[in-house]
C-alpha atoms as a PDB file:
ATOM      1  CA  UNK A   1      11.160  10.077  11.603  1.00  0.00           C
ATOM      2  CA  UNK A   2      10.335   7.207   9.138  1.00  0.00           C
ATOM      3  CA  UNK A   3       7.894   4.416   9.867  1.00  0.00           C
ATOM      4  CA  UNK A   4       8.795   0.875   8.745  1.00  0.00           C
ATOM      5  CA  UNK A   5       6.018  -0.603   6.676  1.00  0.00           C
ATOM      6  CA  UNK A   6       5.140  -3.778   4.732  1.00  0.00           C
ATOM      7  CA  UNK A   7       3.085  -3.950   1.552  1.00  0.00           C
ATOM      8  CA  UNK A   8       0.564  -6.845   1.699  1.00  0.00           C
ATOM      9  CA  UNK A   9      -0.508  -7.922  -1.718  1.00  0.00           C
ATOM     10  CA  UNK A  10       1.087  -7.971  -5.203  1.00  0.00           C
ATOM     11  CA  UNK A  11      -1.751  -7.183  -7.552  1.00  0.00           C
ATOM     12  CA  UNK A  12      -2.062  -4.533 -10.219  1.00  0.00           C
ATOM     13  CA  UNK A  13      -2.981  -1.705  -7.942  1.00  0.00           C
ATOM     14  CA  UNK A  14      -0.338  -2.619  -5.327  1.00  0.00           C
ATOM     15  CA  UNK A  15       2.342  -2.664  -7.989  1.00  0.00           C
ATOM     16  CA  UNK A  16       1.284   0.384 -10.033  1.00  0.00           C
ATOM     17  CA  UNK A  17       0.025   2.692  -7.187  1.00  0.00           C
ATOM     18  CA  UNK A  18       0.794   1.569  -3.673  1.00  0.00           C
ATOM     19  CA  UNK A  19       4.433   0.636  -4.206  1.00  0.00           C
ATOM     20  CA  UNK A  20       5.408   3.944  -5.882  1.00  0.00           C
ATOM     21  CA  UNK A  21       3.406   5.916  -3.282  1.00  0.00           C
ATOM     22  CA  UNK A  22       5.170   4.244  -0.366  1.00  0.00           C
ATOM     23  CA  UNK A  23       8.578   4.646  -2.019  1.00  0.00           C
ATOM     24  CA  UNK A  24       7.936   8.379  -2.652  1.00  0.00           C
ATOM     25  CA  UNK A  25       6.941   9.182   0.887  1.00  0.00           C
ATOM     26  CA  UNK A  26      10.005   9.998   3.072  1.00  0.00           C
ATOM     27  CA  UNK A  27       7.953   9.302   6.207  1.00  0.00           C
ATOM     28  CA  UNK A  28       7.782   5.622   5.221  1.00  0.00           C
ATOM     29  CA  UNK A  29      10.430   2.914   4.722  1.00  0.00           C
ATOM     30  CA  UNK A  30       9.377  -0.226   2.877  1.00  0.00           C
ATOM     31  CA  UNK A  31      10.785  -3.148   4.815  1.00  0.00           C
ATOM     32  CA  UNK A  32       8.942  -6.148   3.392  1.00  0.00           C
ATOM     33  CA  UNK A  33       6.466  -7.375   0.800  1.00  0.00           C
ATOM     34  CA  UNK A  34       3.985 -10.211   1.275  1.00  0.00           C
ATOM     35  CA  UNK A  35       2.042 -12.173  -1.320  1.00  0.00           C
ATOM     36  CA  UNK A  36       0.409 -15.590  -1.492  1.00  0.00           C
ATOM     37  CA  UNK A  37       3.326 -16.974  -3.553  1.00  0.00           C
ATOM     38  CA  UNK A  38       7.028 -16.170  -3.643  1.00  0.00           C
ATOM     39  CA  UNK A  39       6.804 -15.740  -7.401  1.00  0.00           C
ATOM     40  CA  UNK A  40       4.253 -12.961  -7.149  1.00  0.00           C
ATOM     41  CA  UNK A  41       6.140 -11.308  -4.313  1.00  0.00           C
ATOM     42  CA  UNK A  42       9.242 -11.308  -6.514  1.00  0.00           C
ATOM     43  CA  UNK A  43       7.240  -9.807  -9.371  1.00  0.00           C
ATOM     44  CA  UNK A  44       6.159  -6.907  -7.164  1.00  0.00           C
ATOM     45  CA  UNK A  45       9.587  -6.277  -5.644  1.00  0.00           C
ATOM     46  CA  UNK A  46      11.653  -6.489  -8.797  1.00  0.00           C
ATOM     47  CA  UNK A  47      14.548  -4.070  -8.597  1.00  0.00           C
ATOM     48  CA  UNK A  48      14.176  -3.526  -4.797  1.00  0.00           C
ATOM     49  CA  UNK A  49      17.254  -4.993  -3.195  1.00  0.00           C
ATOM     50  CA  UNK A  50      16.483  -3.710   0.335  1.00  0.00           C
ATOM     51  CA  UNK A  51      13.045  -5.375   0.762  1.00  0.00           C
ATOM     52  CA  UNK A  52      12.457  -8.809   2.286  1.00  0.00           C
ATOM     53  CA  UNK A  53       9.907 -11.162   0.700  1.00  0.00           C
ATOM     54  CA  UNK A  54       7.225 -13.127   2.570  1.00  0.00           C
ATOM     55  CA  UNK A  55       4.764 -15.684   1.184  1.00  0.00           C
ATOM     56  CA  UNK A  56       2.739 -18.707   2.245  1.00  0.00           C
ATOM     57  CA  UNK A  57       4.929 -21.041   0.204  1.00  0.00           C
ATOM     58  CA  UNK A  58       8.087 -20.228   2.151  1.00  0.00           C
ATOM     59  CA  UNK A  59       8.775 -21.974   5.485  1.00  0.00           C
ATOM     60  CA  UNK A  60       9.189 -19.439   8.244  1.00  0.00           C
ATOM     61  CA  UNK A  61       8.304 -16.462   5.941  1.00  0.00           C
ATOM     62  CA  UNK A  62       4.523 -16.385   6.274  1.00  0.00           C
ATOM     63  CA  UNK A  63       2.226 -13.436   6.970  1.00  0.00           C
ATOM     64  CA  UNK A  64       2.208 -14.351  10.647  1.00  0.00           C
ATOM     65  CA  UNK A  65       6.013 -14.301  10.756  1.00  0.00           C
ATOM     66  CA  UNK A  66       6.049 -10.896   9.075  1.00  0.00           C
ATOM     67  CA  UNK A  67       3.768  -9.556  11.821  1.00  0.00           C
ATOM     68  CA  UNK A  68       6.377 -10.608  14.423  1.00  0.00           C
ATOM     69  CA  UNK A  69       8.876  -8.113  13.127  1.00  0.00           C
ATOM     70  CA  UNK A  70       9.389  -5.184  15.515  1.00  0.00           C
ATOM     71  CA  UNK A  71      10.879  -2.928  12.834  1.00  0.00           C
ATOM     72  CA  UNK A  72       7.547  -2.980  10.892  1.00  0.00           C
ATOM     73  CA  UNK A  73       5.011  -0.758  12.621  1.00  0.00           C
ATOM     74  CA  UNK A  74       2.426  -0.557   9.879  1.00  0.00           C
ATOM     75  CA  UNK A  75       1.058  -2.430   6.850  1.00  0.00           C
ATOM     76  CA  UNK A  76      -0.653  -1.396   3.629  1.00  0.00           C
ATOM     77  CA  UNK A  77      -3.063  -4.192   2.638  1.00  0.00           C
ATOM     78  CA  UNK A  78      -4.253  -4.505  -0.953  1.00  0.00           C
ATOM     79  CA  UNK A  79      -5.769  -7.925  -1.293  1.00  0.00           C
ATOM     80  CA  UNK A  80      -8.919  -9.401  -2.859  1.00  0.00           C
ATOM     81  CA  UNK A  81     -12.121  -8.118  -1.289  1.00  0.00           C
ATOM     82  CA  UNK A  82     -13.187 -11.391   0.331  1.00  0.00           C
ATOM     83  CA  UNK A  83      -9.951 -12.058   2.260  1.00  0.00           C
ATOM     84  CA  UNK A  84      -9.037  -8.612   3.455  1.00  0.00           C
ATOM     85  CA  UNK A  85     -10.966  -8.595   6.786  1.00  0.00           C
ATOM     86  CA  UNK A  86      -9.031 -11.600   8.043  1.00  0.00           C
ATOM     87  CA  UNK A  87      -5.705  -9.955   7.278  1.00  0.00           C
ATOM     88  CA  UNK A  88      -6.821  -6.634   8.767  1.00  0.00           C
ATOM     89  CA  UNK A  89      -7.695  -8.338  12.063  1.00  0.00           C
ATOM     90  CA  UNK A  90      -4.469 -10.197  12.259  1.00  0.00           C
ATOM     91  CA  UNK A  91      -2.406  -7.122  11.609  1.00  0.00           C
ATOM     92  CA  UNK A  92      -4.268  -4.967  14.133  1.00  0.00           C
ATOM     93  CA  UNK A  93      -4.161  -7.763  16.715  1.00  0.00           C
ATOM     94  CA  UNK A  94      -0.363  -7.864  16.226  1.00  0.00           C
ATOM     95  CA  UNK A  95      -0.143  -4.136  17.003  1.00  0.00           C
ATOM     96  CA  UNK A  96       0.378  -2.924  13.410  1.00  0.00           C
ATOM     97  CA  UNK A  97      -1.260   0.182  12.058  1.00  0.00           C
ATOM     98  CA  UNK A  98      -3.345  -0.679   8.969  1.00  0.00           C
ATOM     99  CA  UNK A  99      -4.181   1.113   5.741  1.00  0.00           C
ATOM    100  CA  UNK A 100      -6.425  -1.263   3.787  1.00  0.00           C
ATOM    101  CA  UNK A 101      -7.841  -0.891   0.298  1.00  0.00           C
ATOM    102  CA  UNK A 102     -11.466  -0.080  -0.302  1.00  0.00           C
ATOM    103  CA  UNK A 103     -14.134  -1.402  -0.153  1.00  0.00           C
ATOM    104  CA  UNK A 104     -13.990  -2.004   3.595  1.00  0.00           C
ATOM    105  CA  UNK A 105     -15.733  -5.400   3.116  1.00  0.00           C
ATOM    106  CA  UNK A 106     -17.887  -7.334   0.738  1.00  0.00           C
ATOM    107  CA  UNK A 107     -21.093  -6.124   2.336  1.00  0.00           C
ATOM    108  CA  UNK A 108     -22.419  -3.896   5.098  1.00  0.00           C
ATOM    109  CA  UNK A 109     -22.942  -6.725   7.574  1.00  0.00           C
ATOM    110  CA  UNK A 110     -19.266  -7.758   7.346  1.00  0.00           C
ATOM    111  CA  UNK A 111     -18.098  -4.169   7.511  1.00  0.00           C
ATOM    112  CA  UNK A 112     -20.167  -3.434  10.622  1.00  0.00           C
ATOM    113  CA  UNK A 113     -18.810  -6.521  12.345  1.00  0.00           C
ATOM    114  CA  UNK A 114     -15.266  -5.438  11.460  1.00  0.00           C
ATOM    115  CA  UNK A 115     -15.723  -1.821  12.714  1.00  0.00           C
ATOM    116  CA  UNK A 116     -17.375  -3.011  15.952  1.00  0.00           C
ATOM    117  CA  UNK A 117     -14.590  -5.529  16.510  1.00  0.00           C
ATOM    118  CA  UNK A 118     -11.983  -2.838  16.017  1.00  0.00           C
ATOM    119  CA  UNK A 119     -13.604  -0.285  18.231  1.00  0.00           C
ATOM    120  CA  UNK A 120     -14.204  -2.861  20.989  1.00  0.00           C
ATOM    121  CA  UNK A 121     -10.989  -4.782  20.942  1.00  0.00           C
ATOM    122  CA  UNK A 122      -8.322  -2.448  19.551  1.00  0.00           C
ATOM    123  CA  UNK A 123      -9.232   1.188  19.583  1.00  0.00           C
ATOM    124  CA  UNK A 124     -10.772   1.041  23.054  1.00  0.00           C
ATOM    125  CA  UNK A 125      -7.508  -0.102  24.510  1.00  0.00           C
ATOM    126  CA  UNK A 126      -5.342   2.479  22.722  1.00  0.00           C
ATOM    127  CA  UNK A 127      -4.167   0.031  20.012  1.00  0.00           C
ATOM    128  CA  UNK A 128      -2.997   0.739  16.480  1.00  0.00           C
ATOM    129  CA  UNK A 129      -5.016   2.849  13.954  1.00  0.00           C
ATOM    130  CA  UNK A 130      -7.276   1.302  11.327  1.00  0.00           C
ATOM    131  CA  UNK A 131      -7.649   3.245   8.081  1.00  0.00           C
ATOM    132  CA  UNK A 132      -9.283   2.580   4.726  1.00  0.00           C
ATOM    133  CA  UNK A 133      -7.586   3.794   1.540  1.00  0.00           C
ATOM    134  CA  UNK A 134     -10.085   5.734  -0.571  1.00  0.00           C
ATOM    135  CA  UNK A 135      -7.833   7.616  -3.042  1.00  0.00           C
ATOM    136  CA  UNK A 136     -10.766   9.508  -4.663  1.00  0.00           C
ATOM    137  CA  UNK A 137     -11.060  11.605  -1.445  1.00  0.00           C
ATOM    138  CA  UNK A 138      -7.511  12.840  -2.194  1.00  0.00           C
ATOM    139  CA  UNK A 139      -7.684  13.587  -5.888  1.00  0.00           C
ATOM    140  CA  UNK A 140      -6.931  17.324  -6.165  1.00  0.00           C
ATOM    141  CA  UNK A 141      -9.775  18.260  -8.512  1.00  0.00           C
ATOM    142  CA  UNK A 142     -12.338  16.615  -6.214  1.00  0.00           C
ATOM    143  CA  UNK A 143     -10.878  18.217  -3.096  1.00  0.00           C
ATOM    144  CA  UNK A 144     -10.932  21.639  -4.782  1.00  0.00           C
ATOM    145  CA  UNK A 145     -14.427  21.083  -6.092  1.00  0.00           C
ATOM    146  CA  UNK A 146     -15.640  20.228  -2.632  1.00  0.00           C
ATOM    147  CA  UNK A 147     -14.127  23.443  -1.217  1.00  0.00           C
ATOM    148  CA  UNK A 148     -15.956  25.473  -3.862  1.00  0.00           C
ATOM    149  CA  UNK A 149     -19.306  23.743  -3.242  1.00  0.00           C
ATOM    150  CA  UNK A 150     -19.005  24.523   0.431  1.00  0.00           C
ATOM    151  CA  UNK A 151     -18.956  28.258  -0.384  1.00  0.00           C
ATOM    152  CA  UNK A 152     -22.060  28.297  -2.548  1.00  0.00           C
ATOM    153  CA  UNK A 153     -24.766  27.692   0.040  1.00  0.00           C
ATOM    154  CA  UNK A 154     -27.465  25.036   0.173  1.00  0.00           C
ATOM    155  CA  UNK A 155     -27.127  22.180  -2.308  1.00  0.00           C
ATOM    156  CA  UNK A 156     -30.062  22.158  -4.743  1.00  0.00           C
ATOM    157  CA  UNK A 157     -29.234  19.086  -6.716  1.00  0.00           C
ATOM    158  CA  UNK A 158     -26.446  16.994  -8.206  1.00  0.00           C
ATOM    159  CA  UNK A 159     -25.557  14.493 -10.866  1.00  0.00           C
ATOM    160  CA  UNK A 160     -22.852  11.885 -11.011  1.00  0.00           C
ATOM    161  CA  UNK A 161     -22.223  10.072 -14.265  1.00  0.00           C
ATOM    162  CA  UNK A 162     -19.419   7.609 -14.805  1.00  0.00           C
ATOM    163  CA  UNK A 163     -19.402   5.517 -18.012  1.00  0.00           C
ATOM    164  CA  UNK A 164     -16.934   2.944 -19.177  1.00  0.00           C
ATOM    165  CA  UNK A 165     -16.733  -0.441 -20.917  1.00  0.00           C
ATOM    166  CA  UNK A 166     -14.643  -3.118 -19.182  1.00  0.00           C
ATOM    167  CA  UNK A 167     -13.673  -5.387 -22.031  1.00  0.00           C
ATOM    168  CA  UNK A 168     -12.794  -8.969 -21.700  1.00  0.00           C
ATOM    169  CA  UNK A 169      -9.082  -9.433 -21.795  1.00  0.00           C
ATOM    170  CA  UNK A 170      -8.164  -6.122 -20.105  1.00  0.00           C
ATOM    171  CA  UNK A 171      -5.842  -6.239 -17.094  1.00  0.00           C
ATOM    172  CA  UNK A 172      -8.410  -5.688 -14.344  1.00  0.00           C
ATOM    173  CA  UNK A 173     -11.047  -7.988 -15.861  1.00  0.00           C
ATOM    174  CA  UNK A 174      -8.507 -10.790 -16.163  1.00  0.00           C
ATOM    175  CA  UNK A 175      -7.856 -10.727 -12.397  1.00  0.00           C
ATOM    176  CA  UNK A 176      -9.340 -14.059 -11.304  1.00  0.00           C
ATOM    177  CA  UNK A 177     -11.325 -12.713  -8.298  1.00  0.00           C
ATOM    178  CA  UNK A 178     -12.773  -9.895 -10.457  1.00  0.00           C
ATOM    179  CA  UNK A 179     -13.527 -12.066 -13.499  1.00  0.00           C
ATOM    180  CA  UNK A 180     -15.796 -14.353 -11.503  1.00  0.00           C
ATOM    181  CA  UNK A 181     -16.892 -12.228  -8.534  1.00  0.00           C
ATOM    182  CA  UNK A 182     -18.115 -13.987  -5.406  1.00  0.00           C
ATOM    183  CA  UNK A 183     -19.406 -10.689  -3.951  1.00  0.00           C
ATOM    184  CA  UNK A 184     -22.293  -8.387  -4.670  1.00  0.00           C
ATOM    185  CA  UNK A 185     -22.205  -5.994  -7.580  1.00  0.00           C
ATOM    186  CA  UNK A 186     -19.076  -7.151  -9.362  1.00  0.00           C
ATOM    187  CA  UNK A 187     -17.269  -4.118 -10.777  1.00  0.00           C
ATOM    188  CA  UNK A 188     -19.985  -1.887  -9.300  1.00  0.00           C
ATOM    189  CA  UNK A 189     -18.758  -2.772  -5.817  1.00  0.00           C
ATOM    190  CA  UNK A 190     -15.034  -2.731  -6.608  1.00  0.00           C
ATOM    191  CA  UNK A 191     -15.080   0.510  -8.591  1.00  0.00           C
ATOM    192  CA  UNK A 192     -18.381   2.016  -7.644  1.00  0.00           C
ATOM    193  CA  UNK A 193     -17.416   2.902  -4.101  1.00  0.00           C
ATOM    194  CA  UNK A 194     -14.861   5.312  -5.601  1.00  0.00           C
ATOM    195  CA  UNK A 195     -17.575   7.292  -7.353  1.00  0.00           C
ATOM    196  CA  UNK A 196     -19.777   7.295  -4.247  1.00  0.00           C
ATOM    197  CA  UNK A 197     -16.805   8.621  -2.178  1.00  0.00           C
ATOM    198  CA  UNK A 198     -16.225  11.401  -4.676  1.00  0.00           C
ATOM    199  CA  UNK A 199     -19.943  12.248  -4.699  1.00  0.00           C
ATOM    200  CA  UNK A 200     -20.182  12.380  -0.923  1.00  0.00           C
ATOM    201  CA  UNK A 201     -17.008  14.457  -0.717  1.00  0.00           C
ATOM    202  CA  UNK A 202     -18.466  17.091  -3.100  1.00  0.00           C
ATOM    203  CA  UNK A 203     -21.890  17.233  -1.361  1.00  0.00           C
ATOM    204  CA  UNK A 204     -20.472  17.716   2.084  1.00  0.00           C
ATOM    205  CA  UNK A 205     -22.077  16.833   5.433  1.00  0.00           C
ATOM    206  CA  UNK A 206     -25.003  19.259   5.038  1.00  0.00           C
ATOM    207  CA  UNK A 207     -26.196  17.332   1.954  1.00  0.00           C
ATOM    208  CA  UNK A 208     -25.842  13.793   3.275  1.00  0.00           C
ATOM    209  CA  UNK A 209     -27.656  10.999   1.358  1.00  0.00           C
ATOM    210  CA  UNK A 210     -30.601   9.485   3.291  1.00  0.00           C
ATOM    211  CA  UNK A 211     -32.510   7.393   0.783  1.00  0.00           C
ATOM    212  CA  UNK A 212     -31.831   5.798  -2.623  1.00  0.00           C
ATOM    213  CA  UNK A 213     -34.107   4.288  -5.346  1.00  0.00           C
ATOM    214  CA  UNK A 214     -32.353   2.556  -8.219  1.00  0.00           C
ATOM    215  CA  UNK A 215     -32.611   0.294 -11.261  1.00  0.00           C
ATOM    216  CA  UNK A 216     -29.741  -2.072 -12.151  1.00  0.00           C
ATOM    217  CA  UNK A 217     -28.939  -4.315 -15.055  1.00  0.00           C
ATOM    218  CA  UNK A 218     -26.295  -6.499 -16.653  1.00  0.00           C
ATOM    219  CA  UNK A 219     -25.573  -5.074 -20.094  1.00  0.00           C
ATOM    220  CA  UNK A 220     -22.598  -7.274 -20.788  1.00  0.00           C
ATOM    221  CA  UNK A 221     -22.645 -11.031 -20.432  1.00  0.00           C
ATOM    222  CA  UNK A 222     -19.026 -11.130 -19.147  1.00  0.00           C
ATOM    223  CA  UNK A 223     -19.717  -8.669 -16.282  1.00  0.00           C
ATOM    224  CA  UNK A 224     -21.916 -10.480 -13.791  1.00  0.00           C
ATOM    225  CA  UNK A 225     -24.005 -10.062 -11.721  1.00  0.00           C
ATOM    226  CA  UNK A 226     -24.789  -6.450 -12.795  1.00  0.00           C
ATOM    227  CA  UNK A 227     -22.704  -3.798 -14.487  1.00  0.00           C
ATOM    228  CA  UNK A 228     -24.996  -0.749 -14.526  1.00  0.00           C
ATOM    229  CA  UNK A 229     -26.690   1.226 -11.735  1.00  0.00           C
ATOM    230  CA  UNK A 230     -28.956   4.246 -12.275  1.00  0.00           C
ATOM    231  CA  UNK A 231     -30.206   5.796  -9.083  1.00  0.00           C
ATOM    232  CA  UNK A 232     -31.975   8.818  -7.598  1.00  0.00           C
ATOM    233  CA  UNK A 233     -30.693   9.823  -4.169  1.00  0.00           C
ATOM    234  CA  UNK A 234     -32.592  11.906  -1.589  1.00  0.00           C
ATOM    235  CA  UNK A 235     -30.480  14.237   0.600  1.00  0.00           C
ATOM    236  CA  UNK A 236     -31.179  15.179   4.158  1.00  0.00           C
ATOM    237  CA  UNK A 237     -31.731  18.844   3.173  1.00  0.00           C
ATOM    238  CA  UNK A 238     -34.642  17.687   0.952  1.00  0.00           C
ATOM    239  CA  UNK A 239     -32.894  18.078  -2.356  1.00  0.00           C
ATOM    240  CA  UNK A 240     -32.099  15.125  -4.581  1.00  0.00           C
ATOM    241  CA  UNK A 241     -29.761  14.077  -7.445  1.00  0.00           C
ATOM    242  CA  UNK A 242     -28.784  11.229  -9.725  1.00  0.00           C
ATOM    243  CA  UNK A 243     -26.059   8.595  -9.645  1.00  0.00           C
ATOM    244  CA  UNK A 244     -25.526   6.908 -12.954  1.00  0.00           C
ATOM    245  CA  UNK A 245     -22.634   4.382 -13.229  1.00  0.00           C
ATOM    246  CA  UNK A 246     -22.043   1.739 -15.867  1.00  0.00           C
ATOM    247  CA  UNK A 247     -19.020  -0.492 -16.675  1.00  0.00           C
ATOM    248  CA  UNK A 248     -20.903  -2.004 -19.611  1.00  0.00           C
ATOM    249  CA  UNK A 249     -21.742   0.939 -21.860  1.00  0.00           C
ATOM    250  CA  UNK A 250     -20.378   2.533 -25.017  1.00  0.00           C
ATOM    251  CA  UNK A 251     -20.764   5.908 -23.294  1.00  0.00           C
ATOM    252  CA  UNK A 252     -17.418   7.138 -21.921  1.00  0.00           C
ATOM    253  CA  UNK A 253     -16.124   9.643 -19.398  1.00  0.00           C
ATOM    254  CA  UNK A 254     -17.092  10.992 -16.014  1.00  0.00           C
ATOM    255  CA  UNK A 255     -18.797  14.104 -14.674  1.00  0.00           C
ATOM    256  CA  UNK A 256     -19.736  15.223 -11.188  1.00  0.00           C
ATOM    257  CA  UNK A 257     -21.946  18.293 -11.034  1.00  0.00           C
ATOM    258  CA  UNK A 258     -23.423  20.061  -8.011  1.00  0.00           C
ATOM    259  CA  UNK A 259     -25.998  22.901  -8.155  1.00  0.00           C
ATOM    260  CA  UNK A 260     -26.100  25.208  -5.093  1.00  0.00           C
ATOM    261  CA  UNK A 261     -27.920  28.431  -4.232  1.00  0.00           C
ATOM    262  CA  UNK A 262     -25.056  30.661  -5.368  1.00  0.00           C
ATOM    263  CA  UNK A 263     -23.736  28.739  -8.416  1.00  0.00           C
ATOM    264  CA  UNK A 264     -22.615  25.370  -9.790  1.00  0.00           C
ATOM    265  CA  UNK A 265     -19.487  23.211  -9.645  1.00  0.00           C
ATOM    266  CA  UNK A 266     -18.652  20.631 -12.335  1.00  0.00           C
ATOM    267  CA  UNK A 267     -15.742  18.285 -11.893  1.00  0.00           C
ATOM    268  CA  UNK A 268     -14.180  16.120 -14.561  1.00  0.00           C
ATOM    269  CA  UNK A 269     -10.861  14.438 -13.907  1.00  0.00           C
ATOM    270  CA  UNK A 270      -8.210  17.142 -13.815  1.00  0.00           C
ATOM    271  CA  UNK A 271     -10.584  20.097 -14.333  1.00  0.00           C
ATOM    272  CA  UNK A 272     -13.123  22.016 -12.204  1.00  0.00           C
ATOM    273  CA  UNK A 273     -15.550  24.549 -13.634  1.00  0.00           C
ATOM    274  CA  UNK A 274     -17.212  26.938 -11.117  1.00  0.00           C
ATOM    275  CA  UNK A 275     -20.051  29.237 -12.207  1.00  0.00           C
ATOM    276  CA  UNK A 276     -21.147  32.022  -9.865  1.00  0.00           C
ATOM    277  CA  UNK A 277     -22.124  35.680 -10.044  1.00  0.00           C
ATOM    278  CA  UNK A 278     -22.399  35.402 -13.837  1.00  0.00           C
ATOM    279  CA  UNK A 279     -18.751  34.393 -14.107  1.00  0.00           C
ATOM    280  CA  UNK A 280     -17.066  31.079 -15.030  1.00  0.00           C
ATOM    281  CA  UNK A 281     -13.849  30.012 -13.437  1.00  0.00           C
ATOM    282  CA  UNK A 282     -11.823  27.065 -14.646  1.00  0.00           C
ATOM    283  CA  UNK A 283      -9.147  25.359 -12.577  1.00  0.00           C
ATOM    284  CA  UNK A 284      -7.048  22.535 -14.027  1.00  0.00           C
ATOM    285  CA  UNK A 285      -5.054  19.896 -12.255  1.00  0.00           C
ATOM    286  CA  UNK A 286      -2.927  18.148 -14.886  1.00  0.00           C
ATOM    287  CA  UNK A 287      -0.636  16.319 -12.468  1.00  0.00           C
ATOM    288  CA  UNK A 288      -3.136  15.132  -9.821  1.00  0.00           C
ATOM    289  CA  UNK A 289      -2.737  11.440 -10.672  1.00  0.00           C
ATOM    290  CA  UNK A 290      -5.080   8.952  -8.947  1.00  0.00           C
ATOM    291  CA  UNK A 291      -4.732  10.399  -5.465  1.00  0.00           C
ATOM    292  CA  UNK A 292      -2.866   7.434  -4.024  1.00  0.00           C
ATOM    293  CA  UNK A 293       0.400   9.302  -3.370  1.00  0.00           C
ATOM    294  CA  UNK A 294      -1.631  11.990  -1.592  1.00  0.00           C
ATOM    295  CA  UNK A 295      -3.564   9.441   0.495  1.00  0.00           C
ATOM    296  CA  UNK A 296      -0.422   7.507   1.508  1.00  0.00           C
ATOM    297  CA  UNK A 297       1.309  10.742   2.432  1.00  0.00           C
ATOM    298  CA  UNK A 298      -1.653  11.768   4.572  1.00  0.00           C
ATOM    299  CA  UNK A 299      -1.669   8.318   6.278  1.00  0.00           C
ATOM    300  CA  UNK A 300       2.078   8.534   6.981  1.00  0.00           C
ATOM    301  CA  UNK A 301       1.623  11.964   8.524  1.00  0.00           C
ATOM    302  CA  UNK A 302      -1.007  10.584  10.719  1.00  0.00           C
ATOM    303  CA  UNK A 303       1.262   7.801  11.936  1.00  0.00           C
ATOM    304  CA  UNK A 304       3.813  10.412  13.030  1.00  0.00           C
ATOM    305  CA  UNK A 305       1.142  12.430  14.809  1.00  0.00           C
ATOM    306  CA  UNK A 306      -0.294   9.278  16.407  1.00  0.00           C
ATOM    307  CA  UNK A 307      -3.724   9.776  15.100  1.00  0.00           C
ATOM    308  CA  UNK A 308      -5.741   8.511  12.149  1.00  0.00           C
ATOM    309  CA  UNK A 309      -6.903  10.809   9.313  1.00  0.00           C
ATOM    310  CA  UNK A 310     -10.635  11.292   9.566  1.00  0.00           C
ATOM    311  CA  UNK A 311     -11.097  10.952   5.819  1.00  0.00           C
ATOM    312  CA  UNK A 312      -9.626   7.432   6.039  1.00  0.00           C
ATOM    313  CA  UNK A 313     -11.794   6.267   8.952  1.00  0.00           C
ATOM    314  CA  UNK A 314     -13.535   2.902   8.583  1.00  0.00           C
ATOM    315  CA  UNK A 315     -16.843   4.677   9.328  1.00  0.00           C
ATOM    316  CA  UNK A 316     -16.476   6.856   6.173  1.00  0.00           C
ATOM    317  CA  UNK A 317     -15.758   3.719   4.101  1.00  0.00           C
ATOM    318  CA  UNK A 318     -18.769   2.060   5.659  1.00  0.00           C
ATOM    319  CA  UNK A 319     -20.992   4.917   4.526  1.00  0.00           C
ATOM    320  CA  UNK A 320     -19.716   4.527   0.975  1.00  0.00           C
ATOM    321  CA  UNK A 321     -20.403   0.823   1.021  1.00  0.00           C
ATOM    322  CA  UNK A 322     -23.867   1.299   2.540  1.00  0.00           C
ATOM    323  CA  UNK A 323     -24.984   3.663  -0.187  1.00  0.00           C
ATOM    324  CA  UNK A 324     -23.789   1.325  -2.918  1.00  0.00           C
ATOM    325  CA  UNK A 325     -25.310  -1.762  -1.332  1.00  0.00           C
ATOM    326  CA  UNK A 326     -28.616   0.077  -0.814  1.00  0.00           C
ATOM    327  CA  UNK A 327     -28.608   0.913  -4.510  1.00  0.00           C
ATOM    328  CA  UNK A 328     -28.046  -2.702  -5.449  1.00  0.00           C
ATOM    329  CA  UNK A 329     -30.866  -3.827  -3.060  1.00  0.00           C
ATOM    330  CA  UNK A 330     -33.162  -1.248  -4.603  1.00  0.00           C
ATOM    331  CA  UNK A 331     -32.243  -2.448  -8.064  1.00  0.00           C
ATOM    332  CA  UNK A 332     -33.086  -6.072  -7.107  1.00  0.00           C
ATOM    333  CA  UNK A 333     -36.523  -4.844  -5.904  1.00  0.00           C
ATOM    334  CA  UNK A 334     -37.536  -2.978  -9.026  1.00  0.00           C
ATOM    335  CA  UNK A 335     -36.587   0.505  -7.743  1.00  0.00           C
ATOM    336  CA  UNK A 336     -38.116   0.351  -4.218  1.00  0.00           C
ATOM    337  CA  UNK A 337     -36.526   3.026  -2.140  1.00  0.00           C
ATOM    338  CA  UNK A 338     -34.048   2.009   0.598  1.00  0.00           C
ATOM    339  CA  UNK A 339     -33.316   4.236   3.639  1.00  0.00           C
ATOM    340  CA  UNK A 340     -29.758   4.640   4.853  1.00  0.00           C
ATOM    341  CA  UNK A 341     -28.783   4.133   8.481  1.00  0.00           C
ATOM    342  CA  UNK A 342     -25.296   5.521   8.757  1.00  0.00           C
END
């Protein structure tokens, strides 16, 4: 059984990741594409003769009209951070299942309001499912790494390091809403929640973050308001670790490492190294991609079953956002520790 879906948004990630993922999933049939302008909708759907186009500059072909279609049961929403909640609410109110790009919202207050609204007005009455797309929870190396950490006993410590330099002129920087962000953290919000999701996945529920103390700075003039966050995170089991992310450094690469009672697990993209009992095991994942195909497939399977995937719950996305926002607040207050609520 195939579910009719619409892709809402025509940006870089929608075109390069969501569109191929939807098209490669037999459980989904792409019926329509929506973008703010017809020109951008055409750009996304080039070569797709069986997909109808909707945009705000076409009479009778707006987002609201798309939601009236009975052959579309679900939507994938990949829009700028500030406008997503409005589209999410409209789609859910129209009875459409939603898979929306991370972050769940621009800040925790907005996210909490959205989750509470959904639980009270839609979920409570048996309405459609609301899921947040966090592809890092589906990248094969991270999933395998988490399974290995879970076998090694109590977590003793961890370190997350992600370093990159977003140059002016590159495709993501030149996106208007990213170039001049009207939301906290800039690229740290947009990209940083990925790295928090991966870290939380590896640590597992027994090593849940409970407090964070951080320093933040803006190393590059073109990456406001801050592009670097260096934090220490306390876990509920009493251990701690570091979270070091920068989009404005000449360092490069990423590494997630977890030390546990019976060994260590180190994850770099496409590779997991497990050390235990004096032995080193290396597992490689050369074809894992960015995890989007895996996450869209999991979402589609949930639609068939009639239940949302727990790893895509808005509550999980809220926890990712809360940890990042708490780090930013700590950075603004010269490293003062911030306790987590969720």
